[in-house]
Amino acid sequence: DSLSQHWDRHGKPFIDGFAFRAGGWYVMVAVAAAVV
């Protein structure tokens, strides 16, 4: 249990690091659309 929790605790940030950060892209699309 301790070893599994260790993996959960330190593996989660690693997995979350691959999540898509949409906010910045949306701002970039909006700015690009306004400029166009």
Full PDB file with SEQRES, HELIX, SHEET, SSBOND, CRYST1, ORIGX, SCALE, CONECT and MASTER records, all heavy atoms in Angstrom:
SEQRES   1 A   36  ASP SER LEU SER GLN HIS TRP ASP ARG HIS GLY LYS PRO          
SEQRES   2 A   36  PHE ILE ASP GLY PHE ALA PHE ARG ALA GLY GLY TRP TYR          
SEQRES   3 A   36  VAL MET VAL ALA VAL ALA ALA ALA VAL VAL                      
HELIX    1 AA1 SER A    2  ASP A   16  1                                  15    
HELIX    2 AA2 ALA A   22  VAL A   35  1                                  14    
CRYST1    1.000    1.000    1.000  90.00  90.00  90.00 P 1           1          
ORIGX1      1.000000  0.000000  0.000000        0.00000                         
ORIGX2      0.000000  1.000000  0.000000        0.00000                         
ORIGX3      0.000000  0.000000  1.000000        0.00000                         
SCALE1      1.000000  0.000000  0.000000        0.00000                         
SCALE2      0.000000  1.000000  0.000000        0.00000                         
SCALE3      0.000000  0.000000  1.000000        0.00000                         
ATOM      1  N   ASP A   1       0.832  -1.206   0.000  1.00  0.00           N  
ATOM      2  CA  ASP A   1       0.000   0.000   0.000  1.00  0.00           C  
ATOM      3  C   ASP A   1       0.868   1.257   0.000  1.00  0.00           C  
ATOM      4  O   ASP A   1       0.588   2.216  -0.725  1.00  0.00           O  
ATOM      5  CB  ASP A   1      -0.915   0.007   1.229  1.00  0.00           C  
ATOM      6  CG  ASP A   1      -2.013  -1.050   1.125  1.00  0.00           C  
ATOM      7  OD1 ASP A   1      -2.259  -1.537   0.007  1.00  0.00           O  
ATOM      8  OD2 ASP A   1      -2.601  -1.403   2.172  1.00  0.00           O  
ATOM      9  N   SER A   2       1.918   1.244   0.811  1.00  0.00           N  
ATOM     10  CA  SER A   2       2.799   2.411   0.887  1.00  0.00           C  
ATOM     11  C   SER A   2       3.486   2.662  -0.456  1.00  0.00           C  
ATOM     12  O   SER A   2       3.567   3.812  -0.919  1.00  0.00           O  
ATOM     13  CB  SER A   2       3.850   2.202   1.977  1.00  0.00           C  
ATOM     14  OG  SER A   2       4.789   3.250   1.986  1.00  0.00           O  
ATOM     15  N   LEU A   3       3.974   1.597  -1.076  1.00  0.00           N  
ATOM     16  CA  LEU A   3       4.651   1.754  -2.367  1.00  0.00           C  
ATOM     17  C   LEU A   3       3.667   2.210  -3.445  1.00  0.00           C  
ATOM     18  O   LEU A   3       3.985   3.067  -4.276  1.00  0.00           O  
ATOM     19  CB  LEU A   3       5.308   0.434  -2.773  1.00  0.00           C  
ATOM     20  CG  LEU A   3       6.077   0.434  -4.100  1.00  0.00           C  
ATOM     21  CD1 LEU A   3       7.163   1.498  -4.097  1.00  0.00           C  
ATOM     22  CD2 LEU A   3       6.671  -0.947  -4.374  1.00  0.00           C  
ATOM     23  N   SER A   4       2.442   1.658  -3.417  1.00  0.00           N  
ATOM     24  CA  SER A   4       1.435   2.058  -4.393  1.00  0.00           C  
ATOM     25  C   SER A   4       1.061   3.528  -4.227  1.00  0.00           C  
ATOM     26  O   SER A   4       0.935   4.275  -5.212  1.00  0.00           O  
ATOM     27  CB  SER A   4       0.197   1.179  -4.249  1.00  0.00           C  
ATOM     28  OG  SER A   4      -0.778   1.521  -5.198  1.00  0.00           O  
ATOM     29  N   GLN A   5       0.896   3.973  -2.977  1.00  0.00           N  
ATOM     30  CA  GLN A   5       0.578   5.374  -2.719  1.00  0.00           C  
ATOM     31  C   GLN A   5       1.738   6.278  -3.148  1.00  0.00           C  
ATOM     32  O   GLN A   5       1.538   7.400  -3.620  1.00  0.00           O  
ATOM     33  CB  GLN A   5       0.283   5.583  -1.237  1.00  0.00           C  
ATOM     34  CG  GLN A   5      -1.001   4.908  -0.779  1.00  0.00           C  
ATOM     35  CD  GLN A   5      -1.166   4.948   0.730  1.00  0.00           C  
ATOM     36  OE1 GLN A   5      -0.425   5.655   1.427  1.00  0.00           O  
ATOM     37  NE2 GLN A   5      -2.114   4.168   1.242  1.00  0.00           N  
ATOM     38  N   HIS A   6       2.956   5.777  -2.997  1.00  0.00           N  
ATOM     39  CA  HIS A   6       4.126   6.542  -3.442  1.00  0.00           C  
ATOM     40  C   HIS A   6       4.062   6.763  -4.953  1.00  0.00           C  
ATOM     41  O   HIS A   6       4.338   7.877  -5.429  1.00  0.00           O  
ATOM     42  CB  HIS A   6       5.402   5.772  -3.060  1.00  0.00           C  
ATOM     43  CG  HIS A   6       6.677   6.487  -3.399  1.00  0.00           C  
ATOM     44  ND1 HIS A   6       7.147   7.566  -2.697  1.00  0.00           N  
ATOM     45  CD2 HIS A   6       7.584   6.259  -4.395  1.00  0.00           C  
ATOM     46  CE1 HIS A   6       8.280   7.985  -3.222  1.00  0.00           C  
ATOM     47  NE2 HIS A   6       8.576   7.206  -4.258  1.00  0.00           N  
ATOM     48  N   TRP A   7       3.700   5.732  -5.680  1.00  0.00           N  
ATOM     49  CA  TRP A   7       3.544   5.868  -7.128  1.00  0.00           C  
ATOM     50  C   TRP A   7       2.403   6.832  -7.467  1.00  0.00           C  
ATOM     51  O   TRP A   7       2.532   7.665  -8.376  1.00  0.00           O  
ATOM     52  CB  TRP A   7       3.276   4.505  -7.757  1.00  0.00           C  
ATOM     53  CG  TRP A   7       4.536   3.763  -8.095  1.00  0.00           C  
ATOM     54  CD1 TRP A   7       5.118   2.762  -7.391  1.00  0.00           C  
ATOM     55  CD2 TRP A   7       5.355   3.974  -9.238  1.00  0.00           C  
ATOM     56  NE1 TRP A   7       6.259   2.336  -8.001  1.00  0.00           N  
ATOM     57  CE2 TRP A   7       6.439   3.064  -9.148  1.00  0.00           C  
ATOM     58  CE3 TRP A   7       5.313   4.856 -10.320  1.00  0.00           C  
ATOM     59  CZ2 TRP A   7       7.438   2.996 -10.104  1.00  0.00           C  
ATOM     60  CZ3 TRP A   7       6.318   4.796 -11.278  1.00  0.00           C  
ATOM     61  CH2 TRP A   7       7.368   3.877 -11.169  1.00  0.00           C  
ATOM     62  N   ASP A   8       1.288   6.704  -6.740  1.00  0.00           N  
ATOM     63  CA  ASP A   8       0.157   7.608  -6.994  1.00  0.00           C  
ATOM     64  C   ASP A   8       0.555   9.063  -6.752  1.00  0.00           C  
ATOM     65  O   ASP A   8       0.241   9.959  -7.552  1.00  0.00           O  
ATOM     66  CB  ASP A   8      -1.013   7.242  -6.082  1.00  0.00           C  
ATOM     67  CG  ASP A   8      -1.673   5.940  -6.517  1.00  0.00           C  
ATOM     68  OD1 ASP A   8      -1.476   5.540  -7.683  1.00  0.00           O  
ATOM     69  OD2 ASP A   8      -2.359   5.316  -5.688  1.00  0.00           O  
ATOM     70  N   ARG A   9       1.232   9.267  -5.649  1.00  0.00           N  
ATOM     71  CA  ARG A   9       1.564  10.629  -5.242  1.00  0.00           C  
ATOM     72  C   ARG A   9       2.519  11.298  -6.232  1.00  0.00           C  
ATOM     73  O   ARG A   9       2.353  12.472  -6.566  1.00  0.00           O  
ATOM     74  CB  ARG A   9       2.177  10.591  -3.833  1.00  0.00           C  
ATOM     75  CG  ARG A   9       2.481  11.956  -3.232  1.00  0.00           C  
ATOM     76  CD  ARG A   9       2.714  11.853  -1.724  1.00  0.00           C  
ATOM     77  NE  ARG A   9       3.726  10.864  -1.382  1.00  0.00           N  
ATOM     78  CZ  ARG A   9       3.466   9.671  -0.844  1.00  0.00           C  
ATOM     79  NH1 ARG A   9       2.203   9.308  -0.599  1.00  0.00           N  
ATOM     80  NH2 ARG A   9       4.443   8.834  -0.547  1.00  0.00           N  
ATOM     81  N   HIS A  10       3.496  10.550  -6.686  1.00  0.00           N  
ATOM     82  CA  HIS A  10       4.499  11.150  -7.577  1.00  0.00           C  
ATOM     83  C   HIS A  10       4.215  10.887  -9.052  1.00  0.00           C  
ATOM     84  O   HIS A  10       4.769  11.574  -9.915  1.00  0.00           O  
ATOM     85  CB  HIS A  10       5.891  10.634  -7.206  1.00  0.00           C  
ATOM     86  CG  HIS A  10       6.319  11.007  -5.827  1.00  0.00           C  
ATOM     87  ND1 HIS A  10       6.745  12.276  -5.499  1.00  0.00           N  
ATOM     88  CD2 HIS A  10       6.359  10.272  -4.683  1.00  0.00           C  
ATOM     89  CE1 HIS A  10       7.055  12.304  -4.205  1.00  0.00           C  
ATOM     90  NE2 HIS A  10       6.832  11.113  -3.686  1.00  0.00           N  
ATOM     91  N   GLY A  11       3.356   9.914  -9.346  1.00  0.00           N  
ATOM     92  CA  GLY A  11       3.015   9.654 -10.747  1.00  0.00           C  
ATOM     93  C   GLY A  11       1.948  10.596 -11.264  1.00  0.00           C  
ATOM     94  O   GLY A  11       1.902  10.895 -12.466  1.00  0.00           O  
ATOM     95  N   LYS A  12       1.084  11.078 -10.368  1.00  0.00           N  
ATOM     96  CA  LYS A  12       0.001  11.952 -10.805  1.00  0.00           C  
ATOM     97  C   LYS A  12       0.523  13.233 -11.459  1.00  0.00           C  
ATOM     98  O   LYS A  12       0.049  13.614 -12.547  1.00  0.00           O  
ATOM     99  CB  LYS A  12      -0.912  12.297  -9.620  1.00  0.00           C  
ATOM    100  CG  LYS A  12      -2.164  13.068 -10.013  1.00  0.00           C  
ATOM    101  CD  LYS A  12      -3.058  13.265  -8.780  1.00  0.00           C  
ATOM    102  CE  LYS A  12      -4.361  13.941  -9.183  1.00  0.00           C  
ATOM    103  NZ  LYS A  12      -4.153  15.236  -9.855  1.00  0.00           N  
ATOM    104  N   PRO A  13       1.473  13.948 -10.847  1.00  0.00           N  
ATOM    105  CA  PRO A  13       1.993  15.146 -11.535  1.00  0.00           C  
ATOM    106  C   PRO A  13       2.604  14.809 -12.896  1.00  0.00           C  
ATOM    107  O   PRO A  13       2.492  15.614 -13.835  1.00  0.00           O  
ATOM    108  CB  PRO A  13       3.064  15.671 -10.565  1.00  0.00           C  
ATOM    109  CG  PRO A  13       2.665  15.142  -9.229  1.00  0.00           C  
ATOM    110  CD  PRO A  13       2.058  13.805  -9.494  1.00  0.00           C  
ATOM    111  N   PHE A  14       3.235  13.656 -12.998  1.00  0.00           N  
ATOM    112  CA  PHE A  14       3.811  13.252 -14.277  1.00  0.00           C  
ATOM    113  C   PHE A  14       2.716  13.056 -15.319  1.00  0.00           C  
ATOM    114  O   PHE A  14       2.811  13.523 -16.455  1.00  0.00           O  
ATOM    115  CB  PHE A  14       4.613  11.964 -14.077  1.00  0.00           C  
ATOM    116  CG  PHE A  14       5.114  11.359 -15.358  1.00  0.00           C  
ATOM    117  CD1 PHE A  14       6.108  11.971 -16.108  1.00  0.00           C  
ATOM    118  CD2 PHE A  14       4.580  10.163 -15.818  1.00  0.00           C  
ATOM    119  CE1 PHE A  14       6.566  11.408 -17.288  1.00  0.00           C  
ATOM    120  CE2 PHE A  14       5.031   9.591 -16.996  1.00  0.00           C  
ATOM    121  CZ  PHE A  14       6.025  10.214 -17.730  1.00  0.00           C  
ATOM    122  N   ILE A  15       1.633  12.375 -14.928  1.00  0.00           N  
ATOM    123  CA  ILE A  15       0.520  12.146 -15.858  1.00  0.00           C  
ATOM    124  C   ILE A  15      -0.184  13.462 -16.190  1.00  0.00           C  
ATOM    125  O   ILE A  15      -0.496  13.752 -17.359  1.00  0.00           O  
ATOM    126  CB  ILE A  15      -0.479  11.148 -15.250  1.00  0.00           C  
ATOM    127  CG1 ILE A  15       0.202   9.778 -15.066  1.00  0.00           C  
ATOM    128  CG2 ILE A  15      -1.713  11.014 -16.118  1.00  0.00           C  
ATOM    129  CD1 ILE A  15      -0.633   8.780 -14.291  1.00  0.00           C  
ATOM    130  N   ASP A  16      -0.425  14.264 -15.142  1.00  0.00           N  
ATOM    131  CA  ASP A  16      -1.104  15.539 -15.369  1.00  0.00           C  
ATOM    132  C   ASP A  16      -0.275  16.466 -16.260  1.00  0.00           C  
ATOM    133  O   ASP A  16      -0.822  17.357 -16.927  1.00  0.00           O  
ATOM    134  CB  ASP A  16      -1.369  16.233 -14.029  1.00  0.00           C  
ATOM    135  CG  ASP A  16      -2.412  15.479 -13.208  1.00  0.00           C  
ATOM    136  OD1 ASP A  16      -3.112  14.617 -13.789  1.00  0.00           O  
ATOM    137  OD2 ASP A  16      -2.503  15.729 -11.982  1.00  0.00           O  
ATOM    138  N   GLY A  17       1.030  16.270 -16.272  1.00  0.00           N  
ATOM    139  CA  GLY A  17       1.875  17.115 -17.105  1.00  0.00           C  
ATOM    140  C   GLY A  17       1.592  16.962 -18.588  1.00  0.00           C  
ATOM    141  O   GLY A  17       1.971  17.827 -19.389  1.00  0.00           O  
ATOM    142  N   PHE A  18       0.943  15.853 -18.982  1.00  0.00           N  
ATOM    143  CA  PHE A  18       0.611  15.649 -20.389  1.00  0.00           C  
ATOM    144  C   PHE A  18      -0.774  16.200 -20.748  1.00  0.00           C  
ATOM    145  O   PHE A  18      -1.189  16.126 -21.905  1.00  0.00           O  
ATOM    146  CB  PHE A  18       0.661  14.148 -20.726  1.00  0.00           C  
ATOM    147  CG  PHE A  18       2.057  13.585 -20.738  1.00  0.00           C  
ATOM    148  CD1 PHE A  18       2.593  12.999 -19.606  1.00  0.00           C  
ATOM    149  CD2 PHE A  18       2.833  13.669 -21.882  1.00  0.00           C  
ATOM    150  CE1 PHE A  18       3.868  12.480 -19.617  1.00  0.00           C  
ATOM    151  CE2 PHE A  18       4.116  13.147 -21.900  1.00  0.00           C  
ATOM    152  CZ  PHE A  18       4.635  12.553 -20.761  1.00  0.00           C  
ATOM    153  N   ALA A  19      -1.503  16.713 -19.739  1.00  0.00           N  
ATOM    154  CA  ALA A  19      -2.840  17.249 -20.016  1.00  0.00           C  
ATOM    155  C   ALA A  19      -2.753  18.490 -20.908  1.00  0.00           C  
ATOM    156  O   ALA A  19      -1.784  19.269 -20.834  1.00  0.00           O  
ATOM    157  CB  ALA A  19      -3.547  17.584 -18.699  1.00  0.00           C  
ATOM    158  N   PHE A  20      -3.764  18.660 -21.739  1.00  0.00           N  
ATOM    159  CA  PHE A  20      -3.779  19.785 -22.684  1.00  0.00           C  
ATOM    160  C   PHE A  20      -4.206  21.065 -21.969  1.00  0.00           C  
ATOM    161  O   PHE A  20      -5.234  21.099 -21.299  1.00  0.00           O  
ATOM    162  CB  PHE A  20      -4.739  19.489 -23.840  1.00  0.00           C  
ATOM    163  CG  PHE A  20      -4.767  20.581 -24.869  1.00  0.00           C  
ATOM    164  CD1 PHE A  20      -3.664  20.840 -25.670  1.00  0.00           C  
ATOM    165  CD2 PHE A  20      -5.917  21.364 -25.041  1.00  0.00           C  
ATOM    166  CE1 PHE A  20      -3.693  21.847 -26.609  1.00  0.00           C  
ATOM    167  CE2 PHE A  20      -5.936  22.370 -25.986  1.00  0.00           C  
ATOM    168  CZ  PHE A  20      -4.821  22.614 -26.793  1.00  0.00           C  
ATOM    169  N   ARG A  21      -3.392  22.122 -22.116  1.00  0.00           N  
ATOM    170  CA  ARG A  21      -3.712  23.417 -21.505  1.00  0.00           C  
ATOM    171  C   ARG A  21      -4.428  24.269 -22.569  1.00  0.00           C  
ATOM    172  O   ARG A  21      -3.795  24.950 -23.376  1.00  0.00           O  
ATOM    173  CB  ARG A  21      -2.447  24.123 -21.034  1.00  0.00           C  
ATOM    174  CG  ARG A  21      -1.580  23.305 -20.070  1.00  0.00           C  
ATOM    175  CD  ARG A  21      -2.315  23.035 -18.738  1.00  0.00           C  
ATOM    176  NE  ARG A  21      -1.431  22.491 -17.732  1.00  0.00           N  
ATOM    177  CZ  ARG A  21      -1.184  21.211 -17.567  1.00  0.00           C  
ATOM    178  NH1 ARG A  21      -1.763  20.319 -18.362  1.00  0.00           N  
ATOM    179  NH2 ARG A  21      -0.383  20.801 -16.602  1.00  0.00           N  
ATOM    180  N   ALA A  22      -5.764  24.217 -22.573  1.00  0.00           N  
ATOM    181  CA  ALA A  22      -6.547  24.856 -23.649  1.00  0.00           C  
ATOM    182  C   ALA A  22      -6.624  26.377 -23.512  1.00  0.00           C  
ATOM    183  O   ALA A  22      -6.796  27.084 -24.507  1.00  0.00           O  
ATOM    184  CB  ALA A  22      -7.965  24.277 -23.665  1.00  0.00           C  
ATOM    185  N   GLY A  23      -6.535  26.895 -22.290  1.00  0.00           N  
ATOM    186  CA  GLY A  23      -6.734  28.327 -22.079  1.00  0.00           C  
ATOM    187  C   GLY A  23      -5.843  29.191 -22.940  1.00  0.00           C  
ATOM    188  O   GLY A  23      -6.291  30.126 -23.614  1.00  0.00           O  
ATOM    189  N   GLY A  24      -4.575  28.942 -22.984  1.00  0.00           N  
ATOM    190  CA  GLY A  24      -3.644  29.739 -23.772  1.00  0.00           C  
ATOM    191  C   GLY A  24      -3.941  29.664 -25.256  1.00  0.00           C  
ATOM    192  O   GLY A  24      -3.831  30.672 -25.988  1.00  0.00           O  
ATOM    193  N   TRP A  25      -4.315  28.448 -25.702  1.00  0.00           N  
ATOM    194  CA  TRP A  25      -4.634  28.292 -27.123  1.00  0.00           C  
ATOM    195  C   TRP A  25      -5.883  29.094 -27.490  1.00  0.00           C  
ATOM    196  O   TRP A  25      -5.956  29.710 -28.560  1.00  0.00           O  
ATOM    197  CB  TRP A  25      -4.839  26.807 -27.449  1.00  0.00           C  
ATOM    198  CG  TRP A  25      -3.534  26.064 -27.552  1.00  0.00           C  
ATOM    199  CD1 TRP A  25      -2.924  25.361 -26.581  1.00  0.00           C  
ATOM    200  CD2 TRP A  25      -2.695  25.983 -28.695  1.00  0.00           C  
ATOM    201  NE1 TRP A  25      -1.754  24.828 -27.015  1.00  0.00           N  
ATOM    202  CE2 TRP A  25      -1.584  25.197 -28.339  1.00  0.00           C  
ATOM    203  CE3 TRP A  25      -2.760  26.512 -29.987  1.00  0.00           C  
ATOM    204  CZ2 TRP A  25      -0.554  24.906 -29.211  1.00  0.00           C  
ATOM    205  CZ3 TRP A  25      -1.739  26.221 -30.861  1.00  0.00           C  
ATOM    206  CH2 TRP A  25      -0.631  25.423 -30.486  1.00  0.00           C  
ATOM    207  N   TYR A  26      -6.890  29.069 -26.636  1.00  0.00           N  
ATOM    208  CA  TYR A  26      -8.127  29.828 -26.915  1.00  0.00           C  
ATOM    209  C   TYR A  26      -7.834  31.327 -27.006  1.00  0.00           C  
ATOM    210  O   TYR A  26      -8.374  32.034 -27.864  1.00  0.00           O  
ATOM    211  CB  TYR A  26      -9.177  29.563 -25.841  1.00  0.00           C  
ATOM    212  CG  TYR A  26      -9.738  28.160 -25.905  1.00  0.00           C  
ATOM    213  CD1 TYR A  26     -10.181  27.521 -24.737  1.00  0.00           C  
ATOM    214  CD2 TYR A  26      -9.842  27.477 -27.118  1.00  0.00           C  
ATOM    215  CE1 TYR A  26     -10.702  26.246 -24.788  1.00  0.00           C  
ATOM    216  CE2 TYR A  26     -10.351  26.204 -27.173  1.00  0.00           C  
ATOM    217  CZ  TYR A  26     -10.782  25.589 -26.001  1.00  0.00           C  
ATOM    218  OH  TYR A  26     -11.276  24.326 -26.058  1.00  0.00           O  
ATOM    219  N   VAL A  27      -7.019  31.824 -26.125  1.00  0.00           N  
ATOM    220  CA  VAL A  27      -6.661  33.246 -26.169  1.00  0.00           C  
ATOM    221  C   VAL A  27      -5.945  33.561 -27.472  1.00  0.00           C  
ATOM    222  O   VAL A  27      -6.217  34.579 -28.141  1.00  0.00           O  
ATOM    223  CB  VAL A  27      -5.780  33.613 -24.957  1.00  0.00           C  
ATOM    224  CG1 VAL A  27      -5.231  35.049 -25.114  1.00  0.00           C  
ATOM    225  CG2 VAL A  27      -6.572  33.484 -23.671  1.00  0.00           C  
ATOM    226  N   MET A  28      -5.015  32.634 -27.849  1.00  0.00           N  
ATOM    227  CA  MET A  28      -4.266  32.854 -29.084  1.00  0.00           C  
ATOM    228  C   MET A  28      -5.196  32.850 -30.297  1.00  0.00           C  
ATOM    229  O   MET A  28      -5.075  33.682 -31.210  1.00  0.00           O  
ATOM    230  CB  MET A  28      -3.193  31.776 -29.251  1.00  0.00           C  
ATOM    231  CG  MET A  28      -2.287  32.004 -30.470  1.00  0.00           C  
ATOM    232  SD  MET A  28      -0.937  30.834 -30.528  1.00  0.00           S  
ATOM    233  CE  MET A  28      -1.861  29.312 -30.788  1.00  0.00           C  
ATOM    234  N   VAL A  29      -6.190  31.938 -30.310  1.00  0.00           N  
ATOM    235  CA  VAL A  29      -7.143  31.882 -31.426  1.00  0.00           C  
ATOM    236  C   VAL A  29      -7.980  33.159 -31.470  1.00  0.00           C  
ATOM    237  O   VAL A  29      -8.224  33.737 -32.544  1.00  0.00           O  
ATOM    238  CB  VAL A  29      -8.029  30.638 -31.311  1.00  0.00           C  
ATOM    239  CG1 VAL A  29      -9.192  30.707 -32.304  1.00  0.00           C  
ATOM    240  CG2 VAL A  29      -7.205  29.384 -31.553  1.00  0.00           C  
ATOM    241  N   ALA A  30      -8.417  33.609 -30.297  1.00  0.00           N  
ATOM    242  CA  ALA A  30      -9.243  34.826 -30.252  1.00  0.00           C  
ATOM    243  C   ALA A  30      -8.462  36.041 -30.749  1.00  0.00           C  
ATOM    244  O   ALA A  30      -8.966  36.866 -31.520  1.00  0.00           O  
ATOM    245  CB  ALA A  30      -9.743  35.050 -28.825  1.00  0.00           C  
ATOM    246  N   VAL A  31      -7.222  36.143 -30.302  1.00  0.00           N  
ATOM    247  CA  VAL A  31      -6.393  37.277 -30.735  1.00  0.00           C  
ATOM    248  C   VAL A  31      -6.157  37.205 -32.234  1.00  0.00           C  
ATOM    249  O   VAL A  31      -6.245  38.204 -32.962  1.00  0.00           O  
ATOM    250  CB  VAL A  31      -5.065  37.292 -29.957  1.00  0.00           C  
ATOM    251  CG1 VAL A  31      -4.119  38.326 -30.557  1.00  0.00           C  
ATOM    252  CG2 VAL A  31      -5.307  37.582 -28.487  1.00  0.00           C  
ATOM    253  N   ALA A  32      -5.858  35.985 -32.722  1.00  0.00           N  
ATOM    254  CA  ALA A  32      -5.616  35.815 -34.158  1.00  0.00           C  
ATOM    255  C   ALA A  32      -6.861  36.182 -34.959  1.00  0.00           C  
ATOM    256  O   ALA A  32      -6.790  36.848 -36.009  1.00  0.00           O  
ATOM    257  CB  ALA A  32      -5.177  34.385 -34.457  1.00  0.00           C  
ATOM    258  N   ALA A  33      -8.045  35.755 -34.478  1.00  0.00           N  
ATOM    259  CA  ALA A  33      -9.296  36.070 -35.182  1.00  0.00           C  
ATOM    260  C   ALA A  33      -9.544  37.571 -35.208  1.00  0.00           C  
ATOM    261  O   ALA A  33      -9.967  38.144 -36.224  1.00  0.00           O  
ATOM    262  CB  ALA A  33     -10.448  35.328 -34.511  1.00  0.00           C  
ATOM    263  N   ALA A  34      -9.287  38.252 -34.074  1.00  0.00           N  
ATOM    264  CA  ALA A  34      -9.495  39.698 -34.011  1.00  0.00           C  
ATOM    265  C   ALA A  34      -8.553  40.419 -34.961  1.00  0.00           C  
ATOM    266  O   ALA A  34      -8.948  41.370 -35.652  1.00  0.00           O  
ATOM    267  CB  ALA A  34      -9.286  40.176 -32.572  1.00  0.00           C  
ATOM    268  N   VAL A  35      -7.327  39.958 -35.007  1.00  0.00           N  
ATOM    269  CA  VAL A  35      -6.351  40.595 -35.907  1.00  0.00           C  
ATOM    270  C   VAL A  35      -6.766  40.412 -37.355  1.00  0.00           C  
ATOM    271  O   VAL A  35      -6.722  41.332 -38.171  1.00  0.00           O  
ATOM    272  CB  VAL A  35      -4.943  40.013 -35.653  1.00  0.00           C  
ATOM    273  CG1 VAL A  35      -3.971  40.492 -36.730  1.00  0.00           C  
ATOM    274  CG2 VAL A  35      -4.445  40.412 -34.269  1.00  0.00           C  
ATOM    275  N   VAL A  36      -7.174  39.167 -37.679  1.00  0.00           N  
ATOM    276  CA  VAL A  36      -7.593  38.885 -39.060  1.00  0.00           C  
ATOM    277  C   VAL A  36      -8.802  39.752 -39.431  1.00  0.00           C  
ATOM    278  O   VAL A  36      -8.867  40.332 -40.521  1.00  0.00           O  
ATOM    279  CB  VAL A  36      -7.904  37.399 -39.233  1.00  0.00           C  
ATOM    280  CG1 VAL A  36      -8.587  37.132 -40.582  1.00  0.00           C  
ATOM    281  CG2 VAL A  36      -6.623  36.584 -39.130  1.00  0.00           C  
TER     282      VAL A  36                                                      
MASTER        0    0    0    2    0    0    0    6  281    1    0    3          
END                                                                             
